[in-house]
């Protein structure tokens, strides 16, 4: 939409409120609302004032004034607001220089698209992300100086929960929740309502289903789109999923590994490069790939350990990225083989369907940063003709210890991932897509507020291991 079309859209839908949204570095979405009379054509240039100092990882108190500029292309009507509300995502600008704010994740994703076009390699990067999530009835948790706990109550859980009704019939067995029909799949109607709401908001949904884990693990697949648009869509996807679940009296989490001993939630990300409306990843190489696609894979694999800090950005992410639970810990590529970090889907022979699926990301990642970083790694592979090595077409987990030594692996912790990013991030800085200051801010925030914070606290299982030692 143009600014005028967005105003017409608001009038047509009798919008009473404008809701402006933006995303912080750790991927929490924020919003501020205005009576619709505050929105006129000039606001799409002038924006709305806001305080950036209260946003995690953003400006210091002495440089906190910022502008939030509505993007009319993102407009949709909020399906959950009782007062009719038009929603738009905003871009952050400095009120003095009028320059875009370098710590705004959406700006980083937009710069990645600009850099791709300027490279001459391609003009479009398509991303299709499959974000999995769990649906719980209730969750409680606390952590203080003298206690720490969490408790999950799930209608579909195979454990005897704290609910009065604890009939364990028709519960998916651990690691056996893939594609069961109702009543074993408890959430068909819930997901269907999520999907219909997404469609009303303008998303294109391809399918939805129960996932492998028990406890209500689900997946809803969106149609691929351009890099920034796919990141915008992922934020809307999460908003819809959480709010529909809330209306049902449920709660959704995108934590990568909330349940011990069962599969975690990933965000497998399909990606491809196009130019002039033509796909660039189709060719006569391995699995029908072009040489460009193989070099793109080479870039992803070379920088995967550094990417880990951005695409699997929580301490909990590394509870999922362990061998034995279909998690792609080992850095290799293969057609069809889901135990490889890079998979080449073989569902269709069409050149337009040829793509690379990168499997290590999880849905805790900030999609703007994650998609931009993956594209920068892949593009580095293309520009420098990085050889991905030989494909691995057998189950990685069946390899002998000798064979495994030659297969590099993802980091085993957030600490290790942050160290990898610190030593390998030059590829992110090209074209000023990421800045050195942004990378340093990201690493410092994650170390202090997450990695160190978790490391300093006793774990409940340590009492079981060591109390009587």
Protein backbone atom coordinates (compact mmCIF):
# COMPACT_ATOMS: atom_id res chain seq x y z
CA UNK A 1 0.00 0.00 0.00
CA UNK A 2 0.95 3.61 -0.49
CA UNK A 3 0.42 5.98 2.47
CA UNK A 4 -2.86 7.16 0.94
CA UNK A 5 -4.02 3.61 0.36
CA UNK A 6 -3.25 2.79 3.99
CA UNK A 7 -5.37 5.76 5.09
CA UNK A 8 -8.18 4.60 2.78
CA UNK A 9 -7.85 1.06 4.15
CA UNK A 10 -8.21 2.39 7.70
CA UNK A 11 -11.27 4.43 6.73
CA UNK A 12 -12.87 1.52 4.85
CA UNK A 13 -12.53 -0.68 7.94
CA UNK A 14 -13.71 2.09 10.29
CA UNK A 15 -10.47 1.95 12.28
CA UNK A 16 -10.63 3.83 15.56
CA UNK A 17 -7.05 3.16 16.65
CA UNK A 18 -3.60 2.95 15.07
CA UNK A 19 -1.22 0.39 16.57
CA UNK A 20 2.47 0.81 15.65
CA UNK A 21 4.83 -2.12 16.28
CA UNK A 22 8.56 -2.74 16.22
CA UNK A 23 10.93 -5.48 17.36
CA UNK A 24 13.86 -5.32 19.78
CA UNK A 25 17.16 -7.19 19.42
CA UNK A 26 16.10 -10.27 21.48
CA UNK A 27 12.94 -10.49 19.27
CA UNK A 28 10.23 -9.22 21.60
CA UNK A 29 7.66 -7.15 19.71
CA UNK A 30 6.59 -3.81 21.20
CA UNK A 31 3.70 -1.50 20.36
CA UNK A 32 2.23 1.91 20.96
CA UNK A 33 -1.32 2.99 20.04
CA UNK A 34 -2.85 6.27 18.89
CA UNK A 35 -6.39 7.48 18.14
CA UNK A 36 -6.79 7.20 14.37
CA UNK A 37 -7.13 10.97 14.11
CA UNK A 38 -3.41 11.23 14.90
CA UNK A 39 -2.57 9.48 11.63
CA UNK A 40 -2.39 11.66 8.54
CA UNK A 41 -0.35 11.57 5.34
CA UNK A 42 2.49 13.57 6.89
CA UNK A 43 3.05 10.99 9.64
CA UNK A 44 4.40 8.54 7.05
CA UNK A 45 7.33 10.97 6.68
CA UNK A 46 7.49 12.67 10.08
CA UNK A 47 6.69 9.65 12.23
CA UNK A 48 5.78 9.50 15.93
CA UNK A 49 8.14 10.26 18.81
CA UNK A 50 9.18 7.47 21.17
CA UNK A 51 11.70 6.71 23.94
CA UNK A 52 14.31 4.21 22.78
CA UNK A 53 16.19 3.98 26.09
CA UNK A 54 13.69 1.56 27.61
CA UNK A 55 14.08 -1.00 24.80
CA UNK A 56 16.49 -3.87 25.49
CA UNK A 57 19.84 -3.36 23.78
CA UNK A 58 18.91 0.04 22.38
CA UNK A 59 19.89 3.66 23.06
CA UNK A 60 21.33 5.13 26.23
CA UNK A 61 19.18 7.55 28.23
CA UNK A 62 21.00 10.62 26.85
CA UNK A 63 20.19 9.66 23.24
CA UNK A 64 16.77 8.13 23.76
CA UNK A 65 14.55 10.28 21.49
CA UNK A 66 13.59 8.40 18.34
CA UNK A 67 11.00 8.46 15.58
CA UNK A 68 8.71 5.56 14.70
CA UNK A 69 7.76 5.77 11.00
CA UNK A 70 4.71 3.72 9.88
CA UNK A 71 5.31 1.39 6.92
CA UNK A 72 2.04 1.37 4.93
CA UNK A 73 3.00 -1.91 3.21
CA UNK A 74 2.54 -3.75 6.51
CA UNK A 75 -1.01 -2.59 7.29
CA UNK A 76 -3.61 -5.06 8.52
CA UNK A 77 -6.63 -4.97 10.83
CA UNK A 78 -6.01 -6.43 14.29
CA UNK A 79 -8.33 -9.46 14.59
CA UNK A 80 -8.13 -9.48 18.40
CA UNK A 81 -8.78 -5.84 19.34
CA UNK A 82 -12.26 -5.00 20.64
CA UNK A 83 -11.84 -1.46 19.31
CA UNK A 84 -11.26 -1.57 15.54
CA UNK A 85 -7.53 -1.11 15.13
CA UNK A 86 -5.25 -0.85 12.12
CA UNK A 87 -1.75 -2.22 12.71
CA UNK A 88 1.44 -1.17 10.95
CA UNK A 89 5.06 -2.01 11.58
CA UNK A 90 7.32 0.97 12.12
CA UNK A 91 10.86 1.84 11.10
CA UNK A 92 13.09 3.62 13.61
CA UNK A 93 14.85 6.90 12.75
CA UNK A 94 17.03 9.39 14.57
CA UNK A 95 15.01 12.62 14.99
CA UNK A 96 18.05 14.84 14.39
CA UNK A 97 19.87 13.18 11.51
CA UNK A 98 16.75 11.46 10.07
CA UNK A 99 18.98 8.41 9.52
CA UNK A 100 17.74 4.90 10.18
CA UNK A 101 18.69 3.46 13.57
CA UNK A 102 21.46 0.88 13.27
CA UNK A 103 20.11 -1.31 16.10
CA UNK A 104 16.67 -1.65 14.52
CA UNK A 105 16.53 -5.33 13.43
CA UNK A 106 14.13 -4.53 10.59
CA UNK A 107 16.63 -2.03 9.14
CA UNK A 108 19.33 -4.69 9.21
CA UNK A 109 17.09 -7.01 7.20
CA UNK A 110 16.31 -4.21 4.75
CA UNK A 111 20.03 -3.47 4.34
CA UNK A 112 20.63 -7.14 3.59
CA UNK A 113 18.20 -6.92 0.67
CA UNK A 114 19.93 -3.75 -0.57
CA UNK A 115 23.35 -5.40 -0.33
CA UNK A 116 22.13 -8.42 -2.30
CA UNK A 117 20.93 -6.21 -5.16
CA UNK A 118 24.14 -4.17 -5.14
CA UNK A 119 26.22 -7.35 -5.27
CA UNK A 120 24.92 -8.14 -8.74
CA UNK A 121 24.55 -11.80 -7.78
CA UNK A 122 20.77 -11.67 -7.41
CA UNK A 123 17.98 -9.19 -6.80
CA UNK A 124 15.73 -11.26 -4.51
CA UNK A 125 16.23 -13.64 -1.60
CA UNK A 126 13.24 -15.80 -0.76
CA UNK A 127 12.81 -17.22 2.74
CA UNK A 128 10.29 -19.74 4.00
CA UNK A 129 10.54 -20.51 7.73
CA UNK A 130 8.76 -23.33 9.55
CA UNK A 131 8.38 -22.24 13.17
CA UNK A 132 7.23 -24.97 15.57
CA UNK A 133 5.62 -24.29 18.95
CA UNK A 134 4.08 -25.99 21.98
CA UNK A 135 0.54 -25.47 23.27
CA UNK A 136 0.22 -25.81 27.06
CA UNK A 137 -2.74 -25.42 29.41
CA UNK A 138 -0.69 -23.65 32.04
CA UNK A 139 2.87 -22.89 32.92
CA UNK A 140 4.36 -21.59 36.16
CA UNK A 141 7.97 -20.78 36.96
CA UNK A 142 10.08 -18.77 39.37
CA UNK A 143 13.71 -18.17 40.21
CA UNK A 144 15.03 -16.33 43.25
CA UNK A 145 17.89 -16.51 45.73
CA UNK A 146 16.63 -19.63 47.49
CA UNK A 147 14.37 -21.50 45.01
CA UNK A 148 13.84 -22.20 41.37
CA UNK A 149 11.25 -24.28 39.50
CA UNK A 150 9.05 -24.64 36.44
CA UNK A 151 5.84 -26.63 36.04
CA UNK A 152 4.07 -27.39 32.75
CA UNK A 153 0.46 -28.54 32.57
CA UNK A 154 -0.57 -29.79 29.13
CA UNK A 155 -3.84 -31.41 28.13
CA UNK A 156 -1.91 -33.54 25.67
CA UNK A 157 1.03 -34.41 27.93
CA UNK A 158 1.83 -38.05 28.63
CA UNK A 159 2.70 -37.21 32.23
CA UNK A 160 0.13 -37.29 35.04
CA UNK A 161 -0.43 -33.57 35.33
CA UNK A 162 -1.82 -31.47 38.13
CA UNK A 163 -5.20 -31.17 36.41
CA UNK A 164 -8.18 -32.87 38.02
CA UNK A 165 -8.94 -34.64 34.73
CA UNK A 166 -5.81 -36.72 34.12
CA UNK A 167 -7.05 -39.33 31.64
CA UNK A 168 -3.94 -40.30 29.68
CA UNK A 169 -5.83 -41.93 26.82
CA UNK A 170 -5.21 -40.53 23.33
CA UNK A 171 -1.96 -38.82 24.26
CA UNK A 172 0.88 -38.90 21.72
CA UNK A 173 3.77 -41.04 22.92
CA UNK A 174 7.11 -39.31 23.35
CA UNK A 175 8.68 -38.63 19.93
CA UNK A 176 5.63 -40.19 18.19
CA UNK A 177 3.36 -37.18 17.71
CA UNK A 178 3.84 -36.71 13.97
CA UNK A 179 0.56 -36.47 11.99
CA UNK A 180 -1.90 -38.35 14.26
CA UNK A 181 -5.60 -37.73 13.58
CA UNK A 182 -7.93 -36.47 16.34
CA UNK A 183 -8.56 -37.27 19.13
CA UNK A 184 -4.83 -37.97 19.56
CA UNK A 185 -4.25 -34.65 17.83
CA UNK A 186 -6.02 -32.44 20.36
CA UNK A 187 -5.44 -29.18 18.54
CA UNK A 188 -6.84 -29.56 15.03
CA UNK A 189 -9.60 -27.00 15.66
CA UNK A 190 -7.25 -24.64 17.49
CA UNK A 191 -4.73 -24.67 14.63
CA UNK A 192 -7.50 -24.29 12.06
CA UNK A 193 -8.67 -21.12 13.78
CA UNK A 194 -5.09 -19.87 13.91
CA UNK A 195 -4.77 -20.49 10.18
CA UNK A 196 -8.04 -18.76 9.31
CA UNK A 197 -7.04 -15.75 11.41
CA UNK A 198 -3.66 -15.60 9.66
CA UNK A 199 -5.38 -15.64 6.28
CA UNK A 200 -7.66 -12.78 7.37
CA UNK A 201 -4.52 -10.81 8.27
CA UNK A 202 -3.01 -11.37 4.82
CA UNK A 203 -0.69 -14.34 5.41
CA UNK A 204 -0.60 -17.25 2.96
CA UNK A 205 -0.62 -20.59 4.78
CA UNK A 206 0.27 -23.85 3.07
CA UNK A 207 -0.53 -26.46 5.73
CA UNK A 208 -0.66 -27.20 9.45
CA UNK A 209 -0.17 -30.34 11.52
CA UNK A 210 0.83 -31.88 14.83
CA UNK A 211 4.58 -32.23 15.29
CA UNK A 212 6.73 -35.04 16.67
CA UNK A 213 6.69 -34.17 20.38
CA UNK A 214 3.92 -34.78 22.87
CA UNK A 215 2.54 -31.92 25.00
CA UNK A 216 0.89 -30.17 22.03
CA UNK A 217 3.77 -29.51 19.63
CA UNK A 218 2.43 -27.96 16.41
CA UNK A 219 3.58 -26.50 13.13
CA UNK A 220 1.89 -24.10 10.71
CA UNK A 221 3.73 -23.52 7.43
CA UNK A 222 3.62 -20.15 5.69
CA UNK A 223 4.30 -19.54 2.01
CA UNK A 224 7.80 -18.23 1.32
CA UNK A 225 8.30 -14.53 0.62
CA UNK A 226 11.08 -11.97 0.27
CA UNK A 227 13.51 -11.61 3.18
CA UNK A 228 12.01 -8.60 5.00
CA UNK A 229 8.43 -9.60 4.23
CA UNK A 230 9.06 -13.11 5.59
CA UNK A 231 10.45 -11.64 8.80
CA UNK A 232 7.42 -9.33 9.10
CA UNK A 233 5.20 -12.36 8.48
CA UNK A 234 6.95 -14.36 11.21
CA UNK A 235 6.23 -11.64 13.78
CA UNK A 236 2.56 -11.61 12.71
CA UNK A 237 2.50 -15.43 12.78
CA UNK A 238 3.67 -15.46 16.40
CA UNK A 239 1.18 -12.75 17.34
CA UNK A 240 -1.75 -14.70 15.89
CA UNK A 241 -0.67 -18.05 17.36
CA UNK A 242 -0.28 -16.63 20.87
CA UNK A 243 -3.52 -14.69 20.85
CA UNK A 244 -5.73 -17.45 19.45
CA UNK A 245 -4.28 -19.84 22.03
CA UNK A 246 -4.96 -17.26 24.74
CA UNK A 247 -8.59 -17.02 23.65
CA UNK A 248 -8.85 -20.79 24.12
CA UNK A 249 -7.40 -20.52 27.63
CA UNK A 250 -4.09 -21.99 26.43
CA UNK A 251 -0.55 -20.65 26.35
CA UNK A 252 1.97 -21.04 23.51
CA UNK A 253 5.76 -21.09 23.77
CA UNK A 254 8.37 -20.82 21.03
CA UNK A 255 11.08 -21.99 23.45
CA UNK A 256 13.26 -24.46 21.56
CA UNK A 257 13.27 -27.13 24.29
CA UNK A 258 10.60 -26.83 26.99
CA UNK A 259 10.15 -30.60 27.55
CA UNK A 260 12.96 -32.92 28.64
CA UNK A 261 13.39 -36.15 26.69
CA UNK A 262 11.24 -35.17 23.71
CA UNK A 263 11.82 -33.31 20.47
CA UNK A 264 12.43 -29.57 20.58
CA UNK A 265 11.01 -26.87 18.33
CA UNK A 266 12.99 -25.77 15.30
CA UNK A 267 12.57 -23.14 12.63
CA UNK A 268 13.83 -24.86 9.49
CA UNK A 269 14.46 -22.08 7.00
CA UNK A 270 14.14 -22.60 3.23
CA UNK A 271 16.05 -20.07 1.15
CA UNK A 272 16.88 -19.33 -2.47
CA UNK A 273 18.22 -16.53 -4.67
CA UNK A 274 16.49 -15.20 -7.79
CA UNK A 275 17.33 -12.61 -10.45
CA UNK A 276 15.04 -11.03 -13.00
CA UNK A 277 12.23 -13.35 -11.94
CA UNK A 278 14.33 -16.48 -12.57
CA UNK A 279 15.54 -19.00 -9.95
CA UNK A 280 19.31 -19.25 -9.55
CA UNK A 281 19.55 -22.39 -7.42
CA UNK A 282 18.42 -24.90 -10.08
CA UNK A 283 21.06 -26.64 -12.17
CA UNK A 284 22.60 -29.96 -13.17
CA UNK A 285 24.74 -30.43 -10.07
CA UNK A 286 24.14 -32.53 -6.97
CA UNK A 287 20.40 -32.91 -6.19
CA UNK A 288 19.57 -30.66 -9.15
CA UNK A 289 21.43 -27.68 -7.69
CA UNK A 290 23.38 -25.01 -9.51
CA UNK A 291 26.99 -24.24 -8.68
CA UNK A 292 25.75 -21.01 -7.08
CA UNK A 293 23.49 -22.99 -4.74
CA UNK A 294 26.38 -25.26 -3.72
CA UNK A 295 28.55 -22.24 -2.99
CA UNK A 296 25.66 -20.74 -0.97
CA UNK A 297 25.60 -23.97 1.07
CA UNK A 298 29.37 -23.66 1.45
CA UNK A 299 28.89 -20.21 3.01
CA UNK A 300 26.20 -21.44 5.39
CA UNK A 301 28.33 -24.36 6.55
CA UNK A 302 31.52 -22.30 6.87
CA UNK A 303 29.85 -19.67 9.04
CA UNK A 304 27.30 -21.94 10.79
CA UNK A 305 29.08 -21.88 14.14
CA UNK A 306 29.07 -18.06 14.14
CA UNK A 307 25.49 -17.97 12.85
CA UNK A 308 24.48 -20.15 15.81
CA UNK A 309 24.52 -17.16 18.17
CA UNK A 310 21.90 -15.42 15.99
CA UNK A 311 19.79 -18.33 14.71
CA UNK A 312 19.83 -20.36 17.96
CA UNK A 313 20.21 -17.43 20.33
CA UNK A 314 19.21 -18.76 23.76
CA UNK A 315 20.76 -21.01 26.39
CA UNK A 316 17.71 -23.24 25.89
CA UNK A 317 18.54 -23.57 22.17
CA UNK A 318 21.43 -25.85 23.08
CA UNK A 319 19.12 -28.23 24.94
CA UNK A 320 17.63 -28.88 21.46
CA UNK A 321 20.88 -28.91 19.47
CA UNK A 322 22.10 -32.26 20.79
CA UNK A 323 22.51 -35.58 18.92
CA UNK A 324 19.68 -38.10 18.90
CA UNK A 325 16.58 -35.92 18.62
CA UNK A 326 16.62 -35.20 14.87
CA UNK A 327 18.44 -31.95 15.63
CA UNK A 328 20.97 -31.01 12.92
CA UNK A 329 24.05 -30.64 15.10
CA UNK A 330 26.49 -31.80 12.42
CA UNK A 331 27.49 -29.47 9.62
CA UNK A 332 26.95 -31.26 6.34
CA UNK A 333 24.53 -31.16 3.41
CA UNK A 334 22.36 -33.80 1.80
CA UNK A 335 19.25 -34.35 -0.28
CA UNK A 336 16.34 -35.61 1.79
CA UNK A 337 18.50 -36.44 4.84
CA UNK A 338 17.03 -34.54 7.79
CA UNK A 339 20.02 -35.20 10.01
CA UNK A 340 22.12 -32.82 7.90
CA UNK A 341 22.32 -29.10 8.69
CA UNK A 342 21.58 -28.27 5.04
CA UNK A 343 18.91 -30.34 3.31
CA UNK A 344 17.87 -30.07 -0.33
CA UNK A 345 14.13 -30.85 -0.52
CA UNK A 346 13.26 -33.19 -3.40
CA UNK A 347 9.47 -32.83 -3.44
CA UNK A 348 9.38 -31.15 -6.86
CA UNK A 349 11.53 -31.18 -10.00
CA UNK A 350 10.49 -27.61 -10.87
CA UNK A 351 13.45 -25.16 -11.02
CA UNK A 352 11.28 -22.68 -9.13
CA UNK A 353 11.05 -25.08 -6.18
CA UNK A 354 14.80 -25.62 -5.91
CA UNK A 355 16.00 -24.29 -2.57
CA UNK A 356 18.22 -24.98 0.42
CA UNK A 357 16.72 -25.80 3.82
CA UNK A 358 18.93 -24.75 6.73
CA UNK A 359 17.80 -26.73 9.77
CA UNK A 360 19.72 -25.46 12.85
CA UNK A 361 17.63 -22.27 13.45
CA UNK A 362 14.94 -22.27 16.13
CA UNK A 363 11.89 -20.02 16.63
CA UNK A 364 13.49 -18.06 19.50
CA UNK A 365 15.58 -16.30 16.85
CA UNK A 366 14.86 -12.74 15.80
CA UNK A 367 13.71 -13.35 12.20
CA UNK A 368 15.06 -10.03 10.90
CA UNK A 369 18.55 -10.75 12.23
CA UNK A 370 18.44 -14.49 11.48
CA UNK A 371 17.31 -14.21 7.85
CA UNK A 372 19.75 -11.37 7.17
CA UNK A 373 22.67 -13.27 8.76
CA UNK A 374 21.93 -16.49 6.87
CA UNK A 375 21.72 -14.64 3.57
CA UNK A 376 25.00 -12.85 4.28
CA UNK A 377 26.70 -16.20 5.02
CA UNK A 378 25.30 -17.80 1.88
CA UNK A 379 26.19 -14.80 -0.25
CA UNK A 380 29.72 -14.88 1.15
CA UNK A 381 29.88 -18.46 -0.11
CA UNK A 382 28.72 -17.39 -3.57
CA UNK A 383 31.08 -14.42 -3.86
CA UNK A 384 34.08 -16.41 -2.62
CA UNK A 385 33.11 -19.70 -4.30
CA UNK A 386 33.26 -21.66 -1.04
CA UNK A 387 33.24 -25.41 -1.66
CA UNK A 388 30.75 -27.20 0.64
CA UNK A 389 32.69 -30.48 0.36
CA UNK A 390 31.09 -33.84 -0.35
CA UNK A 391 27.43 -34.47 0.52
CA UNK A 392 26.54 -36.85 3.32
CA UNK A 393 23.71 -39.11 2.21
CA UNK A 394 23.60 -41.50 5.14
CA UNK A 395 22.30 -41.06 8.67
CA UNK A 396 24.88 -38.97 10.49
CA UNK A 397 24.01 -40.61 13.80
CA UNK A 398 25.00 -44.03 12.39
CA UNK A 399 28.53 -42.90 11.50
CA UNK A 400 31.47 -44.46 13.31
CA UNK A 401 33.52 -42.31 15.71
CA UNK A 402 36.30 -42.18 13.10
CA UNK A 403 33.90 -40.91 10.41
CA UNK A 404 32.35 -38.41 12.82
CA UNK A 405 35.72 -36.75 13.45
CA UNK A 406 35.67 -35.34 9.93
CA UNK A 407 32.19 -33.79 10.33
CA UNK A 408 32.22 -30.38 12.07
CA UNK A 409 29.40 -29.62 14.50
CA UNK A 410 27.38 -26.75 15.86
CA UNK A 411 28.44 -25.16 19.18
CA UNK A 412 27.34 -26.94 22.33
CA UNK A 413 26.30 -23.85 24.27
CA UNK A 414 25.34 -20.21 23.87
CA UNK A 415 28.70 -19.23 25.38
CA UNK A 416 30.54 -21.17 22.68
CA UNK A 417 28.29 -19.76 19.96
CA UNK A 418 28.97 -16.19 21.11
CA UNK A 419 32.72 -16.89 21.04
CA UNK A 420 32.33 -18.16 17.47
CA UNK A 421 30.42 -15.03 16.44
CA UNK A 422 33.03 -12.83 18.07
CA UNK A 423 35.82 -14.44 16.03
CA UNK A 424 33.87 -14.80 12.74
CA UNK A 425 31.59 -11.92 11.81
CA UNK A 426 33.42 -10.04 9.04
CA UNK A 427 30.97 -11.54 6.53
CA UNK A 428 28.11 -9.79 8.36
CA UNK A 429 29.76 -6.36 8.10
CA UNK A 430 29.92 -6.24 4.31
CA UNK A 431 27.75 -3.48 2.86
CA UNK A 432 27.29 -2.15 6.41
CA UNK A 433 24.43 -4.64 6.81
CA UNK A 434 25.48 -5.41 10.37
CA UNK A 435 27.76 -2.94 12.13
CA UNK A 436 30.64 -3.77 14.45
CA UNK A 437 28.80 -1.86 17.18
CA UNK A 438 25.63 -3.91 16.68
CA UNK A 439 27.52 -7.21 16.81
CA UNK A 440 29.32 -6.13 19.99
CA UNK A 441 26.04 -5.01 21.57
CA UNK A 442 24.38 -8.32 20.68
CA UNK A 443 27.25 -10.40 22.12
CA UNK A 444 27.51 -8.31 25.30
CA UNK A 445 23.76 -8.43 25.89
CA UNK A 446 23.55 -12.18 25.39
CA UNK A 447 26.55 -12.90 27.60
CA UNK A 448 25.51 -10.71 30.50
CA UNK A 449 21.74 -11.15 30.50
CA UNK A 450 21.41 -14.76 29.40
CA UNK A 451 24.54 -16.95 29.32
CA UNK A 452 26.09 -15.64 32.55
CA UNK A 453 22.70 -15.25 34.26
CA UNK A 454 21.92 -18.93 33.73
CA UNK A 455 25.44 -20.08 34.60
CA UNK A 456 25.37 -18.25 37.95
CA UNK A 457 22.18 -19.91 39.22
CA UNK A 458 21.96 -23.39 40.75
CA UNK A 459 19.97 -25.81 38.59
CA UNK A 460 17.23 -27.90 40.25
CA UNK A 461 18.80 -31.10 38.92
CA UNK A 462 22.06 -30.22 40.66
CA UNK A 463 20.27 -30.85 43.97
CA UNK A 464 19.34 -34.34 42.77
CA UNK A 465 22.92 -34.95 41.67
CA UNK A 466 24.92 -33.38 44.46
CA UNK A 467 22.91 -32.63 47.62
CA UNK A 468 24.19 -35.68 49.48
CA UNK A 469 27.63 -35.79 47.94
